[in-house]
Amino acid sequence: MAQHIGIVACSAEGASLCYRTLCAEAEAVMGPHAHPEISLHSQSLADYVDCIGRNDWQGVGEIMLSSAKKLASIGAQFLICPDNTIHQALPLIESRSPIPWLHIAEVVAQEAATRGFHRLGITGTRWLAESNVYPEKLAAAGLGYLRPTEEESAEMNRVIMEELVPGNFQPEAVDFFHKVIRRMKAEGCDAVVLGCTEIPLIMNDNNSPLPTLDSTRLLARAALKWAVEGSNPVPSLHPLQSKSR
């Protein structure tokens, strides 16, 4: 039997895309209409945003841990979180988690290395762009990276939080991300991390100047592999010297 997947949700759009991907892509592996048992628990997004706004990452972690415990209590065997930003808090509570987690940035780093990319542009919220969530995991896989500028990060954060998270998709947002990714390409990036789980709702390989690494769908596919095969599909990574600019 496939293992029971627990989804620690944060924002609705990203969690929904992850869930839909799990169900839709499982058929190719498990047969018509089949997918692993999946449970999703969501605390109020407002609670997360309140903690993040106060730079209280321990508080963010405690909210995640609360969901983790509830999911474990109903039989989930491992956890995924389709939200890149709050992965900053995962190291603070992971040792107290009742079941293991699959780290979204490790999944993306493994995919990038497998596909032969060398330097990745990072997109996402301002909090993610300023964090070490991706730099640490990319460097551990021997990959370089480029962060958005302060101006890009501020506008990216506004678009994500005010438009994408509420499900309000505007053509101007596509134009903005296209411009940012084009700048990253000009500075030597050969792929871009869609490091907010809502960004894949407006950006993909068809409209991006660079090949995209869709963190939401990659996480779902890795979770499906774990559920079917029974073990974490991402090898342990160890931090190496950073290759940032």
C-alpha atoms as a PDB file:
ATOM      1  CA  MET A   1       0.000   0.000   0.000  1.00  0.00           C
ATOM      2  CA  ALA A   2       1.096   3.548  -0.702  1.00  0.00           C
ATOM      3  CA  GLN A   3       2.010   5.641   2.308  1.00  0.00           C
ATOM      4  CA  HIS A   4      -0.344   8.279   3.700  1.00  0.00           C
ATOM      5  CA  ILE A   5       0.745  11.834   2.729  1.00  0.00           C
ATOM      6  CA  GLY A   6       0.137  14.723   5.106  1.00  0.00           C
ATOM      7  CA  ILE A   7      -0.066  18.234   3.631  1.00  0.00           C
ATOM      8  CA  VAL A   8       0.712  21.096   6.007  1.00  0.00           C
ATOM      9  CA  ALA A   9      -1.119  23.836   4.142  1.00  0.00           C
ATOM     10  CA  CYS A  10      -0.504  27.559   4.379  1.00  0.00           C
ATOM     11  CA  SER A  11      -2.133  29.469   1.509  1.00  0.00           C
ATOM     12  CA  ALA A  12      -5.141  28.017  -0.287  1.00  0.00           C
ATOM     13  CA  GLU A  13      -3.976  28.390  -3.899  1.00  0.00           C
ATOM     14  CA  GLY A  14      -0.599  26.709  -3.371  1.00  0.00           C
ATOM     15  CA  ALA A  15      -2.008  23.882  -1.267  1.00  0.00           C
ATOM     16  CA  SER A  16      -4.794  23.282  -3.775  1.00  0.00           C
ATOM     17  CA  LEU A  17      -2.366  23.069  -6.686  1.00  0.00           C
ATOM     18  CA  CYS A  18      -0.205  20.611  -4.759  1.00  0.00           C
ATOM     19  CA  TYR A  19      -3.200  18.441  -3.875  1.00  0.00           C
ATOM     20  CA  ARG A  20      -4.537  18.465  -7.436  1.00  0.00           C
ATOM     21  CA  THR A  21      -1.111  17.518  -8.789  1.00  0.00           C
ATOM     22  CA  LEU A  22      -0.839  14.570  -6.407  1.00  0.00           C
ATOM     23  CA  CYS A  23      -4.231  13.227  -7.421  1.00  0.00           C
ATOM     24  CA  ALA A  24      -3.864  13.855 -11.157  1.00  0.00           C
ATOM     25  CA  GLU A  25      -0.361  12.428 -11.566  1.00  0.00           C
ATOM     26  CA  ALA A  26      -0.887   9.398  -9.344  1.00  0.00           C
ATOM     27  CA  GLU A  27      -3.005   7.697 -12.004  1.00  0.00           C
ATOM     28  CA  ALA A  28       0.024   7.136 -14.234  1.00  0.00           C
ATOM     29  CA  VAL A  29       1.730   5.292 -11.379  1.00  0.00           C
ATOM     30  CA  MET A  30      -1.131   3.640  -9.521  1.00  0.00           C
ATOM     31  CA  GLY A  31      -3.854   3.170 -12.116  1.00  0.00           C
ATOM     32  CA  PRO A  32      -7.114   4.889 -13.114  1.00  0.00           C
ATOM     33  CA  HIS A  33      -8.645   7.082 -10.390  1.00  0.00           C
ATOM     34  CA  ALA A  34      -6.044   5.926  -7.857  1.00  0.00           C
ATOM     35  CA  HIS A  35      -3.929   8.068  -5.588  1.00  0.00           C
ATOM     36  CA  PRO A  36      -2.342   7.661  -2.142  1.00  0.00           C
ATOM     37  CA  GLU A  37      -4.271   8.521   0.974  1.00  0.00           C
ATOM     38  CA  ILE A  38      -3.878  12.278   1.447  1.00  0.00           C
ATOM     39  CA  SER A  39      -4.804  14.420   4.432  1.00  0.00           C
ATOM     40  CA  LEU A  40      -4.526  18.202   4.526  1.00  0.00           C
ATOM     41  CA  HIS A  41      -4.554  20.437   7.573  1.00  0.00           C
ATOM     42  CA  SER A  42      -4.656  24.201   7.349  1.00  0.00           C
ATOM     43  CA  GLN A  43      -4.296  26.720  10.135  1.00  0.00           C
ATOM     44  CA  SER A  44      -5.519  30.249   9.374  1.00  0.00           C
ATOM     45  CA  LEU A  45      -3.232  32.026   6.941  1.00  0.00           C
ATOM     46  CA  ALA A  46      -3.687  35.125   9.094  1.00  0.00           C
ATOM     47  CA  ASP A  47      -1.890  33.381  11.965  1.00  0.00           C
ATOM     48  CA  TYR A  48       1.104  32.677   9.738  1.00  0.00           C
ATOM     49  CA  VAL A  49       1.158  36.202   8.317  1.00  0.00           C
ATOM     50  CA  ASP A  50       0.960  37.698  11.799  1.00  0.00           C
ATOM     51  CA  CYS A  51       4.004  35.744  12.961  1.00  0.00           C
ATOM     52  CA  ILE A  52       5.959  36.487   9.789  1.00  0.00           C
ATOM     53  CA  GLY A  53       5.174  40.191  10.099  1.00  0.00           C
ATOM     54  CA  ARG A  54       6.677  40.167  13.605  1.00  0.00           C
ATOM     55  CA  ASN A  55       9.686  38.143  12.391  1.00  0.00           C
ATOM     56  CA  ASP A  56       8.576  35.415  14.772  1.00  0.00           C
ATOM     57  CA  TRP A  57       9.807  32.324  12.959  1.00  0.00           C
ATOM     58  CA  GLN A  58       9.571  30.201  16.089  1.00  0.00           C
ATOM     59  CA  GLY A  59       5.885  31.090  16.126  1.00  0.00           C
ATOM     60  CA  VAL A  60       5.581  30.055  12.488  1.00  0.00           C
ATOM     61  CA  GLY A  61       7.245  26.765  13.351  1.00  0.00           C
ATOM     62  CA  GLU A  62       4.866  26.103  16.219  1.00  0.00           C
ATOM     63  CA  ILE A  63       1.894  26.548  13.871  1.00  0.00           C
ATOM     64  CA  MET A  64       3.469  24.089  11.433  1.00  0.00           C
ATOM     65  CA  LEU A  65       4.151  21.644  14.256  1.00  0.00           C
ATOM     66  CA  SER A  66       0.537  21.858  15.385  1.00  0.00           C
ATOM     67  CA  SER A  67      -0.593  20.788  11.925  1.00  0.00           C
ATOM     68  CA  ALA A  68       2.060  18.074  11.834  1.00  0.00           C
ATOM     69  CA  LYS A  69       0.823  16.546  15.082  1.00  0.00           C
ATOM     70  CA  LYS A  70      -2.792  16.564  13.931  1.00  0.00           C
ATOM     71  CA  LEU A  71      -1.896  14.928  10.619  1.00  0.00           C
ATOM     72  CA  ALA A  72       0.231  12.284  12.341  1.00  0.00           C
ATOM     73  CA  SER A  73      -2.625  11.545  14.741  1.00  0.00           C
ATOM     74  CA  ILE A  74      -4.886  10.556  11.831  1.00  0.00           C
ATOM     75  CA  GLY A  75      -2.304   8.331  10.190  1.00  0.00           C
ATOM     76  CA  ALA A  76      -0.129  10.485   7.920  1.00  0.00           C
ATOM     77  CA  GLN A  77       3.296   8.867   7.550  1.00  0.00           C
ATOM     78  CA  PHE A  78       5.279  11.824   6.226  1.00  0.00           C
ATOM     79  CA  LEU A  79       4.701  15.521   5.594  1.00  0.00           C
ATOM     80  CA  ILE A  80       4.995  18.083   2.850  1.00  0.00           C
ATOM     81  CA  CYS A  81       4.415  21.817   3.014  1.00  0.00           C
ATOM     82  CA  PRO A  82       3.533  23.534  -0.285  1.00  0.00           C
ATOM     83  CA  ASP A  83       4.755  26.904   0.934  1.00  0.00           C
ATOM     84  CA  ASN A  84       8.363  27.902   0.386  1.00  0.00           C
ATOM     85  CA  THR A  85       8.472  30.898   2.724  1.00  0.00           C
ATOM     86  CA  ILE A  86       7.547  29.106   5.926  1.00  0.00           C
ATOM     87  CA  HIS A  87      10.241  26.492   5.349  1.00  0.00           C
ATOM     88  CA  GLN A  88      12.454  29.012   7.173  1.00  0.00           C
ATOM     89  CA  ALA A  89      10.833  27.767  10.355  1.00  0.00           C
ATOM     90  CA  LEU A  90      11.137  24.042   9.639  1.00  0.00           C
ATOM     91  CA  PRO A  91      14.633  23.624  11.177  1.00  0.00           C
ATOM     92  CA  LEU A  92      13.299  25.145  14.404  1.00  0.00           C
ATOM     93  CA  ILE A  93      10.726  22.412  14.985  1.00  0.00           C
ATOM     94  CA  GLU A  94      11.694  19.457  12.773  1.00  0.00           C
ATOM     95  CA  SER A  95      13.368  17.534  15.612  1.00  0.00           C
ATOM     96  CA  ARG A  96      10.055  17.605  17.523  1.00  0.00           C
ATOM     97  CA  SER A  97       7.942  16.487  14.588  1.00  0.00           C
ATOM     98  CA  PRO A  98       6.231  13.115  15.077  1.00  0.00           C
ATOM     99  CA  ILE A  99       6.825  12.142  11.436  1.00  0.00           C
ATOM    100  CA  PRO A 100       9.417  13.142   8.797  1.00  0.00           C
ATOM    101  CA  TRP A 101       9.196  16.015   6.311  1.00  0.00           C
ATOM    102  CA  LEU A 102      10.099  16.278   2.637  1.00  0.00           C
ATOM    103  CA  HIS A 103      11.883  19.632   2.150  1.00  0.00           C
ATOM    104  CA  ILE A 104      10.682  21.599  -0.879  1.00  0.00           C
ATOM    105  CA  ALA A 105      14.040  23.272  -1.594  1.00  0.00           C
ATOM    106  CA  GLU A 106      15.896  19.952  -1.487  1.00  0.00           C
ATOM    107  CA  VAL A 107      13.454  18.567  -4.035  1.00  0.00           C
ATOM    108  CA  VAL A 108      14.039  21.558  -6.322  1.00  0.00           C
ATOM    109  CA  ALA A 109      17.822  21.373  -5.881  1.00  0.00           C
ATOM    110  CA  GLN A 110      17.851  17.700  -6.799  1.00  0.00           C
ATOM    111  CA  GLU A 111      15.776  18.355  -9.922  1.00  0.00           C
ATOM    112  CA  ALA A 112      18.048  21.214 -10.975  1.00  0.00           C
ATOM    113  CA  ALA A 113      21.172  19.093 -10.546  1.00  0.00           C
ATOM    114  CA  THR A 114      19.593  16.183 -12.420  1.00  0.00           C
ATOM    115  CA  ARG A 115      18.712  18.452 -15.339  1.00  0.00           C
ATOM    116  CA  GLY A 116      22.225  19.856 -15.485  1.00  0.00           C
ATOM    117  CA  PHE A 117      21.509  23.442 -14.482  1.00  0.00           C
ATOM    118  CA  HIS A 118      24.274  25.477 -12.856  1.00  0.00           C
ATOM    119  CA  ARG A 119      22.922  28.833 -11.664  1.00  0.00           C
ATOM    120  CA  LEU A 120      19.327  29.440 -10.630  1.00  0.00           C
ATOM    121  CA  GLY A 121      17.358  32.624 -10.250  1.00  0.00           C
ATOM    122  CA  ILE A 122      15.244  32.662  -7.080  1.00  0.00           C
ATOM    123  CA  THR A 123      11.742  34.120  -7.109  1.00  0.00           C
ATOM    124  CA  GLY A 124       9.300  34.252  -4.218  1.00  0.00           C
ATOM    125  CA  THR A 125       8.146  36.436  -1.364  1.00  0.00           C
ATOM    126  CA  ARG A 126      10.425  39.054   0.147  1.00  0.00           C
ATOM    127  CA  TRP A 127      10.879  36.810   3.187  1.00  0.00           C
ATOM    128  CA  LEU A 128      11.954  33.890   1.020  1.00  0.00           C
ATOM    129  CA  ALA A 129      14.259  36.003  -1.143  1.00  0.00           C
ATOM    130  CA  GLU A 130      16.091  37.261   1.947  1.00  0.00           C
ATOM    131  CA  SER A 131      16.330  33.829   3.563  1.00  0.00           C
ATOM    132  CA  ASN A 132      18.726  30.899   3.255  1.00  0.00           C
ATOM    133  CA  VAL A 133      15.997  28.375   2.393  1.00  0.00           C
ATOM    134  CA  TYR A 134      17.155  28.039  -1.206  1.00  0.00           C
ATOM    135  CA  PRO A 135      20.769  29.284  -1.044  1.00  0.00           C
ATOM    136  CA  GLU A 136      21.644  26.625   1.543  1.00  0.00           C
ATOM    137  CA  LYS A 137      20.063  23.744  -0.363  1.00  0.00           C
ATOM    138  CA  LEU A 138      21.314  24.878  -3.766  1.00  0.00           C
ATOM    139  CA  ALA A 139      24.853  25.332  -2.501  1.00  0.00           C
ATOM    140  CA  ALA A 140      24.688  21.879  -0.921  1.00  0.00           C
ATOM    141  CA  ALA A 141      23.917  20.471  -4.369  1.00  0.00           C
ATOM    142  CA  GLY A 142      26.805  22.405  -5.929  1.00  0.00           C
ATOM    143  CA  LEU A 143      24.552  24.973  -7.590  1.00  0.00           C
ATOM    144  CA  GLY A 144      24.884  28.736  -7.831  1.00  0.00           C
ATOM    145  CA  TYR A 145      22.020  31.168  -7.394  1.00  0.00           C
ATOM    146  CA  LEU A 146      20.931  34.756  -7.886  1.00  0.00           C
ATOM    147  CA  ARG A 147      18.491  36.607  -5.632  1.00  0.00           C
ATOM    148  CA  PRO A 148      16.080  39.295  -6.874  1.00  0.00           C
ATOM    149  CA  THR A 149      17.058  42.921  -6.309  1.00  0.00           C
ATOM    150  CA  GLU A 150      15.441  44.812  -3.432  1.00  0.00           C
ATOM    151  CA  GLU A 151      13.075  46.572  -5.815  1.00  0.00           C
ATOM    152  CA  GLU A 152      12.135  43.350  -7.566  1.00  0.00           C
ATOM    153  CA  SER A 153      11.635  41.609  -4.254  1.00  0.00           C
ATOM    154  CA  ALA A 154       9.314  44.307  -2.930  1.00  0.00           C
ATOM    155  CA  GLU A 155       7.075  44.216  -6.004  1.00  0.00           C
ATOM    156  CA  MET A 156       7.200  40.433  -6.177  1.00  0.00           C
ATOM    157  CA  ASN A 157       6.035  40.266  -2.576  1.00  0.00           C
ATOM    158  CA  ARG A 158       3.160  42.654  -3.289  1.00  0.00           C
ATOM    159  CA  VAL A 159       2.022  40.665  -6.320  1.00  0.00           C
ATOM    160  CA  ILE A 160       2.167  37.378  -4.424  1.00  0.00           C
ATOM    161  CA  MET A 161       0.431  38.516  -1.252  1.00  0.00           C
ATOM    162  CA  GLU A 162      -2.117  40.912  -2.758  1.00  0.00           C
ATOM    163  CA  GLU A 163      -2.897  39.149  -6.030  1.00  0.00           C
ATOM    164  CA  LEU A 164      -1.779  35.519  -6.311  1.00  0.00           C
ATOM    165  CA  VAL A 165      -2.578  34.338  -2.785  1.00  0.00           C
ATOM    166  CA  PRO A 166      -6.187  35.623  -3.040  1.00  0.00           C
ATOM    167  CA  GLY A 167      -6.478  34.081  -6.530  1.00  0.00           C
ATOM    168  CA  ASN A 168      -6.465  37.389  -8.429  1.00  0.00           C
ATOM    169  CA  PHE A 169      -4.344  36.774 -11.535  1.00  0.00           C
ATOM    170  CA  GLN A 170      -3.440  39.856 -13.589  1.00  0.00           C
ATOM    171  CA  PRO A 171      -1.569  40.046 -16.945  1.00  0.00           C
ATOM    172  CA  GLU A 172       0.635  42.784 -15.470  1.00  0.00           C
ATOM    173  CA  ALA A 173       1.963  40.253 -12.969  1.00  0.00           C
ATOM    174  CA  VAL A 174       3.053  37.974 -15.798  1.00  0.00           C
ATOM    175  CA  ASP A 175       4.820  40.895 -17.473  1.00  0.00           C
ATOM    176  CA  PHE A 176       6.589  41.752 -14.228  1.00  0.00           C
ATOM    177  CA  PHE A 177       7.855  38.217 -13.595  1.00  0.00           C
ATOM    178  CA  HIS A 178       8.912  37.965 -17.232  1.00  0.00           C
ATOM    179  CA  LYS A 179      11.040  41.093 -16.804  1.00  0.00           C
ATOM    180  CA  VAL A 180      12.656  39.811 -13.603  1.00  0.00           C
ATOM    181  CA  ILE A 181      13.464  36.422 -15.111  1.00  0.00           C
ATOM    182  CA  ARG A 182      14.846  38.061 -18.270  1.00  0.00           C
ATOM    183  CA  ARG A 183      17.214  40.095 -16.078  1.00  0.00           C
ATOM    184  CA  MET A 184      18.299  36.925 -14.275  1.00  0.00           C
ATOM    185  CA  LYS A 185      19.003  35.254 -17.597  1.00  0.00           C
ATOM    186  CA  ALA A 186      21.151  38.206 -18.665  1.00  0.00           C
ATOM    187  CA  GLU A 187      23.163  37.783 -15.450  1.00  0.00           C
ATOM    188  CA  GLY A 188      24.002  34.160 -16.136  1.00  0.00           C
ATOM    189  CA  CYS A 189      21.141  32.087 -14.749  1.00  0.00           C
ATOM    190  CA  ASP A 190      20.168  29.033 -16.782  1.00  0.00           C
ATOM    191  CA  ALA A 191      16.906  28.263 -14.916  1.00  0.00           C
ATOM    192  CA  VAL A 192      14.546  29.935 -12.468  1.00  0.00           C
ATOM    193  CA  VAL A 193      13.019  28.617  -9.252  1.00  0.00           C
ATOM    194  CA  LEU A 194       9.324  29.402  -8.984  1.00  0.00           C
ATOM    195  CA  GLY A 195       9.847  29.692  -5.246  1.00  0.00           C
ATOM    196  CA  CYS A 196       6.341  30.633  -4.245  1.00  0.00           C
ATOM    197  CA  THR A 197       3.745  27.929  -4.662  1.00  0.00           C
ATOM    198  CA  GLU A 198       1.369  30.370  -6.376  1.00  0.00           C
ATOM    199  CA  ILE A 199       3.828  31.557  -9.050  1.00  0.00           C
ATOM    200  CA  PRO A 200       3.295  28.413 -11.201  1.00  0.00           C
ATOM    201  CA  LEU A 201      -0.309  29.542 -11.587  1.00  0.00           C
ATOM    202  CA  ILE A 202       0.906  32.351 -13.867  1.00  0.00           C
ATOM    203  CA  MET A 203       4.443  31.362 -14.979  1.00  0.00           C
ATOM    204  CA  ASN A 204       5.650  28.219 -16.753  1.00  0.00           C
ATOM    205  CA  ASP A 205       8.067  27.068 -19.441  1.00  0.00           C
ATOM    206  CA  ASN A 206       5.828  28.492 -22.142  1.00  0.00           C
ATOM    207  CA  ASN A 207       6.001  32.123 -20.990  1.00  0.00           C
ATOM    208  CA  SER A 208       9.268  32.252 -19.029  1.00  0.00           C
ATOM    209  CA  PRO A 209      12.581  33.441 -20.534  1.00  0.00           C
ATOM    210  CA  LEU A 210      14.275  30.612 -18.602  1.00  0.00           C
ATOM    211  CA  PRO A 211      13.360  26.969 -17.919  1.00  0.00           C
ATOM    212  CA  THR A 212      11.246  26.873 -14.763  1.00  0.00           C
ATOM    213  CA  LEU A 213      11.560  24.739 -11.658  1.00  0.00           C
ATOM    214  CA  ASP A 214       7.971  24.530 -10.428  1.00  0.00           C
ATOM    215  CA  SER A 215       8.413  23.996  -6.692  1.00  0.00           C
ATOM    216  CA  THR A 216       4.765  23.081  -6.133  1.00  0.00           C
ATOM    217  CA  ARG A 217       4.520  20.313  -8.690  1.00  0.00           C
ATOM    218  CA  LEU A 218       8.047  19.039  -8.030  1.00  0.00           C
ATOM    219  CA  LEU A 219       7.184  18.658  -4.342  1.00  0.00           C
ATOM    220  CA  ALA A 220       3.982  16.805  -5.190  1.00  0.00           C
ATOM    221  CA  ARG A 221       5.824  14.441  -7.547  1.00  0.00           C
ATOM    222  CA  ALA A 222       8.520  13.715  -4.979  1.00  0.00           C
ATOM    223  CA  ALA A 223       5.845  13.045  -2.361  1.00  0.00           C
ATOM    224  CA  LEU A 224       4.089  10.671  -4.733  1.00  0.00           C
ATOM    225  CA  LYS A 225       7.368   8.828  -5.291  1.00  0.00           C
ATOM    226  CA  TRP A 226       7.922   8.551  -1.526  1.00  0.00           C
ATOM    227  CA  ALA A 227       4.365   7.324  -0.963  1.00  0.00           C
ATOM    228  CA  VAL A 228       4.630   4.624  -3.611  1.00  0.00           C
ATOM    229  CA  GLU A 229       8.218   3.525  -3.019  1.00  0.00           C
ATOM    230  CA  GLY A 230       8.203   3.890   0.767  1.00  0.00           C
ATOM    231  CA  SER A 231      11.252   6.102   1.350  1.00  0.00           C
ATOM    232  CA  ASN A 232      12.399   9.699   0.961  1.00  0.00           C
ATOM    233  CA  PRO A 233      13.485  10.137  -2.677  1.00  0.00           C
ATOM    234  CA  VAL A 234      15.810  13.064  -1.925  1.00  0.00           C
ATOM    235  CA  PRO A 235      19.336  12.199  -0.750  1.00  0.00           C
ATOM    236  CA  SER A 236      20.688  14.008   2.279  1.00  0.00           C
ATOM    237  CA  LEU A 237      22.464  17.221   1.359  1.00  0.00           C
ATOM    238  CA  HIS A 238      25.338  18.833   3.208  1.00  0.00           C
ATOM    239  CA  PRO A 239      26.041  22.597   2.993  1.00  0.00           C
ATOM    240  CA  LEU A 240      28.994  23.458   0.803  1.00  0.00           C
ATOM    241  CA  GLN A 241      30.580  26.792   0.107  1.00  0.00           C
ATOM    242  CA  SER A 242      28.019  29.211  -1.343  1.00  0.00           C
ATOM    243  CA  LYS A 243      28.191  29.996  -5.032  1.00  0.00           C
ATOM    244  CA  SER A 244      26.168  33.205  -4.898  1.00  0.00           C
ATOM    245  CA  ARG A 245      27.347  36.194  -6.803  1.00  0.00           C
END
